[in-house]
C-alpha cells in the first residue's frame, strides 16, 4: 500500500463520519428527529466504532510496517479531529 492510499483511508473515514455526524446533529438540533433520538444515538455509536476500528488498524499497520509508521500516524491523527467536534456537538445538543 502506498503512502497516498494510507492517507486517503484516514481522510475518507474522517469525511464520512464528519458529514454523517453533522447531518445527525443538525437533524437533532433542528427538531426533525425528535422521535428518532435513540436511533441517531446508535448511528453515532456505530460511527465511533468505525473510527476506532480504522484508527487501531492504522496503528497496527504502522507498528508492523515500521517504514510506513509516520504516514499511518498522520492518517490516524486525521481521525482524531472528530473528537473535539463530537464534544462540541454534544454540548450544543445538551443546551
PDB file of N, CA and C in Angstrom:
ATOM      1  N   UNK A   1       0.851  -1.162   0.000  1.00  0.00           N
ATOM      2  CA  UNK A   1       0.000   0.000   0.000  1.00  0.00           C
ATOM      3  C   UNK A   1       0.905   1.235   0.000  1.00  0.00           C
ATOM      4  N   UNK A   2       0.600   2.185  -0.846  1.00  0.00           N
ATOM      5  CA  UNK A   2       1.442   3.373  -0.950  1.00  0.00           C
ATOM      6  C   UNK A   2       0.990   4.439   0.047  1.00  0.00           C
ATOM      7  N   UNK A   3       1.835   5.432   0.238  1.00  0.00           N
ATOM      8  CA  UNK A   3       1.546   6.483   1.211  1.00  0.00           C
ATOM      9  C   UNK A   3       0.275   7.274   0.889  1.00  0.00           C
ATOM     10  N   UNK A   4       0.037   7.660  -0.382  1.00  0.00           N
ATOM     11  CA  UNK A   4      -1.228   8.369  -0.652  1.00  0.00           C
ATOM     12  C   UNK A   4      -2.473   7.546  -0.330  1.00  0.00           C
ATOM     13  N   UNK A   5      -2.387   6.218  -0.521  1.00  0.00           N
ATOM     14  CA  UNK A   5      -3.537   5.370  -0.203  1.00  0.00           C
ATOM     15  C   UNK A   5      -3.800   5.323   1.303  1.00  0.00           C
ATOM     16  N   UNK A   6      -2.731   5.297   2.075  1.00  0.00           N
ATOM     17  CA  UNK A   6      -2.886   5.263   3.528  1.00  0.00           C
ATOM     18  C   UNK A   6      -3.508   6.568   4.023  1.00  0.00           C
ATOM     19  N   UNK A   7      -3.049   7.701   3.492  1.00  0.00           N
ATOM     20  CA  UNK A   7      -3.638   8.986   3.868  1.00  0.00           C
ATOM     21  C   UNK A   7      -5.089   9.077   3.427  1.00  0.00           C
ATOM     22  N   UNK A   8      -5.383   8.519   2.259  1.00  0.00           N
ATOM     23  CA  UNK A   8      -6.752   8.572   1.737  1.00  0.00           C
ATOM     24  C   UNK A   8      -7.720   7.805   2.628  1.00  0.00           C
ATOM     25  N   UNK A   9      -7.256   6.727   3.241  1.00  0.00           N
ATOM     26  CA  UNK A   9      -8.108   5.951   4.153  1.00  0.00           C
ATOM     27  C   UNK A   9      -8.541   6.820   5.330  1.00  0.00           C
ATOM     28  N   UNK A  10      -7.586   7.475   5.983  1.00  0.00           N
ATOM     29  CA  UNK A  10      -7.914   8.325   7.130  1.00  0.00           C
ATOM     30  C   UNK A  10      -8.816   9.486   6.757  1.00  0.00           C
ATOM     31  N   UNK A  11      -8.509  10.135   5.629  1.00  0.00           N
ATOM     32  CA  UNK A  11      -9.316  11.281   5.210  1.00  0.00           C
ATOM     33  C   UNK A  11     -10.725  10.860   4.807  1.00  0.00           C
ATOM     34  N   UNK A  12     -10.843   9.719   4.133  1.00  0.00           N
ATOM     35  CA  UNK A  12     -12.170   9.254   3.706  1.00  0.00           C
ATOM     36  C   UNK A  12     -13.057   8.912   4.895  1.00  0.00           C
ATOM     37  N   UNK A  13     -12.497   8.191   5.852  1.00  0.00           N
ATOM     38  CA  UNK A  13     -13.280   7.834   7.037  1.00  0.00           C
ATOM     39  C   UNK A  13     -13.616   9.089   7.832  1.00  0.00           C
ATOM     40  N   UNK A  14     -12.679  10.037   7.922  1.00  0.00           N
ATOM     41  CA  UNK A  14     -12.952  11.294   8.619  1.00  0.00           C
ATOM     42  C   UNK A  14     -14.117  12.023   7.973  1.00  0.00           C
ATOM     43  N   UNK A  15     -14.072  12.230   6.662  1.00  0.00           N
ATOM     44  CA  UNK A  15     -15.132  12.982   5.994  1.00  0.00           C
ATOM     45  C   UNK A  15     -16.467  12.248   6.027  1.00  0.00           C
ATOM     46  N   UNK A  16     -16.440  10.926   5.922  1.00  0.00           N
ATOM     47  CA  UNK A  16     -17.682  10.168   6.017  1.00  0.00           C
ATOM     48  C   UNK A  16     -18.308  10.327   7.404  1.00  0.00           C
ATOM     49  N   UNK A  17     -17.514  10.151   8.436  1.00  0.00           N
ATOM     50  CA  UNK A  17     -18.026  10.277   9.804  1.00  0.00           C
ATOM     51  C   UNK A  17     -18.430  11.713  10.112  1.00  0.00           C
ATOM     52  N   UNK A  18     -17.637  12.662   9.652  1.00  0.00           N
ATOM     53  CA  UNK A  18     -17.949  14.065   9.910  1.00  0.00           C
ATOM     54  C   UNK A  18     -19.263  14.466   9.240  1.00  0.00           C
ATOM     55  N   UNK A  19     -19.429  14.108   7.974  1.00  0.00           N
ATOM     56  CA  UNK A  19     -20.648  14.505   7.271  1.00  0.00           C
ATOM     57  C   UNK A  19     -21.879  13.798   7.831  1.00  0.00           C
ATOM     58  N   UNK A  20     -21.755  12.520   8.146  1.00  0.00           N
ATOM     59  CA  UNK A  20     -22.901  11.791   8.713  1.00  0.00           C
ATOM     60  C   UNK A  20     -23.221  12.294  10.116  1.00  0.00           C
ATOM     61  N   UNK A  21     -22.202  12.538  10.935  1.00  0.00           N
ATOM     62  CA  UNK A  21     -22.423  13.061  12.282  1.00  0.00           C
ATOM     63  C   UNK A  21     -23.011  14.455  12.269  1.00  0.00           C
ATOM     64  N   UNK A  22     -22.565  15.277  11.343  1.00  0.00           N
ATOM     65  CA  UNK A  22     -23.111  16.626  11.226  1.00  0.00           C
ATOM     66  C   UNK A  22     -24.563  16.585  10.779  1.00  0.00           C
ATOM     67  N   UNK A  23     -24.872  15.664   9.880  1.00  0.00           N
ATOM     68  CA  UNK A  23     -26.266  15.513   9.446  1.00  0.00           C
ATOM     69  C   UNK A  23     -27.150  15.092  10.609  1.00  0.00           C
ATOM     70  N   UNK A  24     -26.694  14.132  11.388  1.00  0.00           N
ATOM     71  CA  UNK A  24     -27.466  13.692  12.554  1.00  0.00           C
ATOM     72  C   UNK A  24     -27.580  14.826  13.565  1.00  0.00           C
ATOM     73  N   UNK A  25     -26.500  15.565  13.793  1.00  0.00           N
ATOM     74  CA  UNK A  25     -26.526  16.679  14.751  1.00  0.00           C
ATOM     75  C   UNK A  25     -27.544  17.731  14.335  1.00  0.00           C
ATOM     76  N   UNK A  26     -27.489  18.179  13.087  1.00  0.00           N
ATOM     77  CA  UNK A  26     -28.412  19.230  12.666  1.00  0.00           C
ATOM     78  C   UNK A  26     -29.849  18.748  12.614  1.00  0.00           C
ATOM     79  N   UNK A  27     -30.065  17.463  12.329  1.00  0.00           N
ATOM     80  CA  UNK A  27     -31.436  16.960  12.354  1.00  0.00           C
ATOM     81  C   UNK A  27     -31.956  16.881  13.788  1.00  0.00           C
ATOM     82  N   UNK A  28     -31.079  16.551  14.748  1.00  0.00           N
ATOM     83  CA  UNK A  28     -31.496  16.557  16.151  1.00  0.00           C
ATOM     84  C   UNK A  28     -31.663  17.981  16.674  1.00  0.00           C
ATOM     85  N   UNK A  29     -30.722  18.842  16.316  1.00  0.00           N
ATOM     86  CA  UNK A  29     -30.723  20.218  16.819  1.00  0.00           C
ATOM     87  C   UNK A  29     -31.922  21.002  16.291  1.00  0.00           C
ATOM     88  N   UNK A  30     -32.309  20.731  15.053  1.00  0.00           N
ATOM     89  CA  UNK A  30     -33.437  21.454  14.476  1.00  0.00           C
ATOM     90  C   UNK A  30     -34.777  20.842  14.863  1.00  0.00           C
ATOM     91  N   UNK A  31     -34.761  19.655  15.445  1.00  0.00           N
ATOM     92  CA  UNK A  31     -36.001  19.048  15.918  1.00  0.00           C
ATOM     93  C   UNK A  31     -36.663  18.122  14.927  1.00  0.00           C
ATOM     94  N   UNK A  32     -36.024  17.837  13.814  1.00  0.00           N
ATOM     95  CA  UNK A  32     -36.623  16.954  12.821  1.00  0.00           C
ATOM     96  C   UNK A  32     -36.628  15.491  13.250  1.00  0.00           C
ATOM     97  N   UNK A  33     -35.690  15.115  14.124  1.00  0.00           N
ATOM     98  CA  UNK A  33     -35.574  13.708  14.507  1.00  0.00           C
ATOM     99  C   UNK A  33     -35.863  13.500  15.986  1.00  0.00           C
ATOM    100  N   UNK A  34     -36.788  14.226  16.561  1.00  0.00           N
ATOM    101  CA  UNK A  34     -37.041  14.076  17.990  1.00  0.00           C
ATOM    102  C   UNK A  34     -37.555  12.690  18.341  1.00  0.00           C
ATOM    103  N   UNK A  35     -38.291  12.052  17.438  1.00  0.00           N
ATOM    104  CA  UNK A  35     -38.787  10.720  17.734  1.00  0.00           C
ATOM    105  C   UNK A  35     -37.760   9.630  17.443  1.00  0.00           C
ATOM    106  N   UNK A  36     -36.651   9.987  16.802  1.00  0.00           N
ATOM    107  CA  UNK A  36     -35.611   9.011  16.474  1.00  0.00           C
ATOM    108  C   UNK A  36     -34.311   9.270  17.240  1.00  0.00           C
ATOM    109  N   UNK A  37     -34.410   9.779  18.460  1.00  0.00           N
ATOM    110  CA  UNK A  37     -33.216  10.112  19.233  1.00  0.00           C
ATOM    111  C   UNK A  37     -32.401   8.865  19.547  1.00  0.00           C
ATOM    112  N   UNK A  38     -33.047   7.782  19.893  1.00  0.00           N
ATOM    113  CA  UNK A  38     -32.329   6.544  20.210  1.00  0.00           C
ATOM    114  C   UNK A  38     -31.638   6.019  18.957  1.00  0.00           C
ATOM    115  N   UNK A  39     -32.318   6.074  17.834  1.00  0.00           N
ATOM    116  CA  UNK A  39     -31.739   5.615  16.574  1.00  0.00           C
ATOM    117  C   UNK A  39     -30.524   6.449  16.198  1.00  0.00           C
ATOM    118  N   UNK A  40     -30.611   7.763  16.354  1.00  0.00           N
ATOM    119  CA  UNK A  40     -29.486   8.620  15.992  1.00  0.00           C
ATOM    120  C   UNK A  40     -28.304   8.406  16.937  1.00  0.00           C
ATOM    121  N   UNK A  41     -28.572   8.132  18.204  1.00  0.00           N
ATOM    122  CA  UNK A  41     -27.501   7.814  19.137  1.00  0.00           C
ATOM    123  C   UNK A  41     -26.795   6.520  18.753  1.00  0.00           C
ATOM    124  N   UNK A  42     -27.568   5.549  18.277  1.00  0.00           N
ATOM    125  CA  UNK A  42     -26.992   4.295  17.811  1.00  0.00           C
ATOM    126  C   UNK A  42     -26.118   4.524  16.583  1.00  0.00           C
ATOM    127  N   UNK A  43     -26.578   5.365  15.684  1.00  0.00           N
ATOM    128  CA  UNK A  43     -25.798   5.682  14.489  1.00  0.00           C
ATOM    129  C   UNK A  43     -24.491   6.353  14.877  1.00  0.00           C
ATOM    130  N   UNK A  44     -24.531   7.283  15.820  1.00  0.00           N
ATOM    131  CA  UNK A  44     -23.312   7.947  16.261  1.00  0.00           C
ATOM    132  C   UNK A  44     -22.350   6.967  16.934  1.00  0.00           C
ATOM    133  N   UNK A  45     -22.889   6.009  17.678  1.00  0.00           N
ATOM    134  CA  UNK A  45     -22.039   4.979  18.286  1.00  0.00           C
ATOM    135  C   UNK A  45     -21.394   4.097  17.216  1.00  0.00           C
ATOM    136  N   UNK A  46     -22.123   3.787  16.171  1.00  0.00           N
ATOM    137  CA  UNK A  46     -21.554   2.991  15.086  1.00  0.00           C
ATOM    138  C   UNK A  46     -20.432   3.746  14.373  1.00  0.00           C
ATOM    139  N   UNK A  47     -20.598   5.048  14.198  1.00  0.00           N
ATOM    140  CA  UNK A  47     -19.528   5.843  13.586  1.00  0.00           C
ATOM    141  C   UNK A  47     -18.315   5.910  14.500  1.00  0.00           C
ATOM    142  N   UNK A  48     -18.550   5.963  15.805  1.00  0.00           N
ATOM    143  CA  UNK A  48     -17.435   5.960  16.753  1.00  0.00           C
ATOM    144  C   UNK A  48     -16.690   4.630  16.691  1.00  0.00           C
ATOM    145  N   UNK A  49     -17.430   3.529  16.575  1.00  0.00           N
ATOM    146  CA  UNK A  49     -16.789   2.218  16.443  1.00  0.00           C
ATOM    147  C   UNK A  49     -16.008   2.112  15.135  1.00  0.00           C
ATOM    148  N   UNK A  50     -16.559   2.658  14.064  1.00  0.00           N
ATOM    149  CA  UNK A  50     -15.859   2.646  12.786  1.00  0.00           C
ATOM    150  C   UNK A  50     -14.554   3.429  12.882  1.00  0.00           C
ATOM    151  N   UNK A  51     -14.612   4.622  13.478  1.00  0.00           N
ATOM    152  CA  UNK A  51     -13.399   5.426  13.651  1.00  0.00           C
ATOM    153  C   UNK A  51     -12.383   4.707  14.524  1.00  0.00           C
ATOM    154  N   UNK A  52     -12.835   4.071  15.588  1.00  0.00           N
ATOM    155  CA  UNK A  52     -11.932   3.348  16.479  1.00  0.00           C
ATOM    156  C   UNK A  52     -11.279   2.174  15.759  1.00  0.00           C
ATOM    157  N   UNK A  53     -12.061   1.433  15.007  1.00  0.00           N
ATOM    158  CA  UNK A  53     -11.533   0.292  14.270  1.00  0.00           C
ATOM    159  C   UNK A  53     -10.492   0.729  13.250  1.00  0.00           C
ATOM    160  N   UNK A  54     -10.786   1.779  12.483  1.00  0.00           N
ATOM    161  CA  UNK A  54      -9.836   2.255  11.474  1.00  0.00           C
ATOM    162  C   UNK A  54      -8.593   2.823  12.144  1.00  0.00           C
ATOM    163  N   UNK A  55      -8.763   3.546  13.258  1.00  0.00           N
ATOM    164  CA  UNK A  55      -7.615   4.089  13.989  1.00  0.00           C
ATOM    165  C   UNK A  55      -6.691   2.964  14.450  1.00  0.00           C
ATOM    166  N   UNK A  56      -7.273   1.944  15.067  1.00  0.00           N
ATOM    167  CA  UNK A  56      -6.463   0.814  15.545  1.00  0.00           C
ATOM    168  C   UNK A  56      -5.811   0.063  14.394  1.00  0.00           C
ATOM    169  N   UNK A  57      -6.520  -0.097  13.295  1.00  0.00           N
ATOM    170  CA  UNK A  57      -5.955  -0.778  12.132  1.00  0.00           C
ATOM    171  C   UNK A  57      -4.772   0.003  11.567  1.00  0.00           C
ATOM    172  N   UNK A  58      -4.893   1.317  11.514  1.00  0.00           N
ATOM    173  CA  UNK A  58      -3.779   2.135  11.031  1.00  0.00           C
ATOM    174  C   UNK A  58      -2.583   2.070  11.968  1.00  0.00           C
ATOM    175  N   UNK A  59      -2.837   2.073  13.266  1.00  0.00           N
ATOM    176  CA  UNK A  59      -1.731   1.993  14.219  1.00  0.00           C
ATOM    177  C   UNK A  59      -1.048   0.623  14.165  1.00  0.00           C
ATOM    178  N   UNK A  60      -1.827  -0.439  14.040  1.00  0.00           N
ATOM    179  CA  UNK A  60      -1.250  -1.775  13.914  1.00  0.00           C
ATOM    180  C   UNK A  60      -0.434  -1.881  12.628  1.00  0.00           C
ATOM    181  N   UNK A  61      -0.971  -1.333  11.551  1.00  0.00           N
ATOM    182  CA  UNK A  61      -0.238  -1.327  10.283  1.00  0.00           C
ATOM    183  C   UNK A  61       1.080  -0.572  10.431  1.00  0.00           C
ATOM    184  N   UNK A  62       1.050   0.556  11.145  1.00  0.00           N
ATOM    185  CA  UNK A  62       2.265   1.325  11.362  1.00  0.00           C
ATOM    186  C   UNK A  62       3.293   0.583  12.201  1.00  0.00           C
ATOM    187  N   UNK A  63       2.831  -0.185  13.178  1.00  0.00           N
ATOM    188  CA  UNK A  63       3.757  -0.960  14.003  1.00  0.00           C
ATOM    189  C   UNK A  63       4.332  -2.149  13.232  1.00  0.00           C
ATOM    190  N   UNK A  64       3.528  -2.749  12.371  1.00  0.00           N
ATOM    191  CA  UNK A  64       4.018  -3.885  11.595  1.00  0.00           C
ATOM    192  C   UNK A  64       5.009  -3.427  10.527  1.00  0.00           C
ATOM    193  N   UNK A  65       4.625  -2.384   9.795  1.00  0.00           N
ATOM    194  CA  UNK A  65       5.495  -1.847   8.743  1.00  0.00           C
ATOM    195  C   UNK A  65       6.132  -0.560   9.262  1.00  0.00           C
ATOM    196  N   UNK A  66       7.284  -0.696   9.876  1.00  0.00           N
ATOM    197  CA  UNK A  66       7.955   0.448  10.510  1.00  0.00           C
ATOM    198  C   UNK A  66       8.282   1.552   9.518  1.00  0.00           C
ATOM    199  N   UNK A  67       8.495   1.221   8.252  1.00  0.00           N
ATOM    200  CA  UNK A  67       8.818   2.246   7.260  1.00  0.00           C
ATOM    201  C   UNK A  67       7.616   3.152   6.965  1.00  0.00           C
ATOM    202  N   UNK A  68       6.420   2.694   7.253  1.00  0.00           N
ATOM    203  CA  UNK A  68       5.203   3.473   6.997  1.00  0.00           C
ATOM    204  C   UNK A  68       4.564   3.984   8.286  1.00  0.00           C
ATOM    205  N   UNK A  69       5.291   3.927   9.391  1.00  0.00           N
ATOM    206  CA  UNK A  69       4.724   4.316  10.678  1.00  0.00           C
ATOM    207  C   UNK A  69       4.294   5.783  10.706  1.00  0.00           C
ATOM    208  N   UNK A  70       5.120   6.683  10.190  1.00  0.00           N
ATOM    209  CA  UNK A  70       4.811   8.120  10.227  1.00  0.00           C
ATOM    210  C   UNK A  70       3.562   8.427   9.413  1.00  0.00           C
ATOM    211  N   UNK A  71       3.446   7.847   8.235  1.00  0.00           N
ATOM    212  CA  UNK A  71       2.283   8.130   7.394  1.00  0.00           C
ATOM    213  C   UNK A  71       1.019   7.511   8.003  1.00  0.00           C
ATOM    214  N   UNK A  72       1.147   6.340   8.640  1.00  0.00           N
ATOM    215  CA  UNK A  72      -0.006   5.744   9.334  1.00  0.00           C
ATOM    216  C   UNK A  72      -0.410   6.602  10.529  1.00  0.00           C
ATOM    217  N   UNK A  73       0.568   7.159  11.213  1.00  0.00           N
ATOM    218  CA  UNK A  73       0.288   8.032  12.345  1.00  0.00           C
ATOM    219  C   UNK A  73      -0.414   9.313  11.896  1.00  0.00           C
ATOM    220  N   UNK A  74       0.017   9.872  10.768  1.00  0.00           N
ATOM    221  CA  UNK A  74      -0.647  11.070  10.232  1.00  0.00           C
ATOM    222  C   UNK A  74      -2.086  10.765   9.839  1.00  0.00           C
ATOM    223  N   UNK A  75      -2.294   9.632   9.193  1.00  0.00           N
ATOM    224  CA  UNK A  75      -3.640   9.245   8.784  1.00  0.00           C
ATOM    225  C   UNK A  75      -4.537   8.992   9.994  1.00  0.00           C
ATOM    226  N   UNK A  76      -3.977   8.368  11.027  1.00  0.00           N
ATOM    227  CA  UNK A  76      -4.746   8.122  12.245  1.00  0.00           C
ATOM    228  C   UNK A  76      -5.035   9.428  12.977  1.00  0.00           C
ATOM    229  N   UNK A  77      -4.105  10.388  12.913  1.00  0.00           N
ATOM    230  CA  UNK A  77      -4.318  11.679  13.573  1.00  0.00           C
ATOM    231  C   UNK A  77      -5.456  12.458  12.932  1.00  0.00           C
ATOM    232  N   UNK A  78      -5.667  12.258  11.637  1.00  0.00           N
ATOM    233  CA  UNK A  78      -6.793  12.921  10.966  1.00  0.00           C
ATOM    234  C   UNK A  78      -8.109  12.461  11.588  1.00  0.00           C
ATOM    235  N   UNK A  79      -8.190  11.200  11.959  1.00  0.00           N
ATOM    236  CA  UNK A  79      -9.408  10.682  12.586  1.00  0.00           C
ATOM    237  C   UNK A  79      -9.668  11.319  13.951  1.00  0.00           C
ATOM    238  N   UNK A  80      -8.609  11.714  14.633  1.00  0.00           N
ATOM    239  CA  UNK A  80      -8.760  12.304  15.968  1.00  0.00           C
ATOM    240  C   UNK A  80      -9.362  13.701  15.935  1.00  0.00           C
ATOM    241  N   UNK A  81      -9.422  14.307  14.755  1.00  0.00           N
ATOM    242  CA  UNK A  81     -10.036  15.630  14.634  1.00  0.00           C
ATOM    243  C   UNK A  81     -11.528  15.550  14.959  1.00  0.00           C
ATOM    244  N   UNK A  82     -12.133  14.391  14.753  1.00  0.00           N
ATOM    245  CA  UNK A  82     -13.563  14.226  15.029  1.00  0.00           C
ATOM    246  C   UNK A  82     -13.905  14.346  16.511  1.00  0.00           C
ATOM    247  N   UNK A  83     -12.961  14.066  17.400  1.00  0.00           N
ATOM    248  CA  UNK A  83     -13.259  14.042  18.836  1.00  0.00           C
ATOM    249  C   UNK A  83     -13.709  15.401  19.362  1.00  0.00           C
ATOM    250  N   UNK A  84     -12.972  16.509  19.124  1.00  0.00           N
ATOM    251  CA  UNK A  84     -13.464  17.791  19.636  1.00  0.00           C
ATOM    252  C   UNK A  84     -14.762  18.241  18.969  1.00  0.00           C
ATOM    253  N   UNK A  85     -14.959  17.838  17.722  1.00  0.00           N
ATOM    254  CA  UNK A  85     -16.197  18.201  17.023  1.00  0.00           C
ATOM    255  C   UNK A  85     -17.385  17.500  17.670  1.00  0.00           C
ATOM    256  N   UNK A  86     -17.228  16.230  18.008  1.00  0.00           N
ATOM    257  CA  UNK A  86     -18.297  15.478  18.668  1.00  0.00           C
ATOM    258  C   UNK A  86     -18.577  16.059  20.042  1.00  0.00           C
ATOM    259  N   UNK A  87     -17.541  16.435  20.766  1.00  0.00           N
ATOM    260  CA  UNK A  87     -17.744  17.053  22.084  1.00  0.00           C
ATOM    261  C   UNK A  87     -18.506  18.365  21.969  1.00  0.00           C
ATOM    262  N   UNK A  88     -18.175  19.148  20.969  1.00  0.00           N
ATOM    263  CA  UNK A  88     -18.895  20.407  20.733  1.00  0.00           C
ATOM    264  C   UNK A  88     -20.359  20.134  20.398  1.00  0.00           C
ATOM    265  N   UNK A  89     -20.592  19.176  19.517  1.00  0.00           N
ATOM    266  CA  UNK A  89     -21.969  18.829  19.164  1.00  0.00           C
ATOM    267  C   UNK A  89     -22.744  18.341  20.385  1.00  0.00           C
ATOM    268  N   UNK A  90     -22.092  17.528  21.219  1.00  0.00           N
ATOM    269  CA  UNK A  90     -22.748  17.027  22.420  1.00  0.00           C
ATOM    270  C   UNK A  90     -23.112  18.145  23.379  1.00  0.00           C
ATOM    271  N   UNK A  91     -22.229  19.127  23.520  1.00  0.00           N
ATOM    272  CA  UNK A  91     -22.536  20.267  24.393  1.00  0.00           C
ATOM    273  C   UNK A  91     -23.658  21.106  23.836  1.00  0.00           C
ATOM    274  N   UNK A  92     -23.711  21.273  22.513  1.00  0.00           N
ATOM    275  CA  UNK A  92     -24.762  22.088  21.900  1.00  0.00           C
ATOM    276  C   UNK A  92     -26.117  21.397  21.962  1.00  0.00           C
ATOM    277  N   UNK A  93     -26.135  20.070  21.826  1.00  0.00           N
ATOM    278  CA  UNK A  93     -27.399  19.351  21.918  1.00  0.00           C
ATOM    279  C   UNK A  93     -27.922  19.380  23.352  1.00  0.00           C
ATOM    280  N   UNK A  94     -27.022  19.347  24.321  1.00  0.00           N
ATOM    281  CA  UNK A  94     -27.409  19.315  25.724  1.00  0.00           C
ATOM    282  C   UNK A  94     -28.011  20.645  26.191  1.00  0.00           C
ATOM    283  N   UNK A  95     -27.731  21.727  25.468  1.00  0.00           N
ATOM    284  CA  UNK A  95     -28.224  23.048  25.888  1.00  0.00           C
ATOM    285  C   UNK A  95     -29.719  23.149  25.746  1.00  0.00           C
TER     286      UNK A  95
END
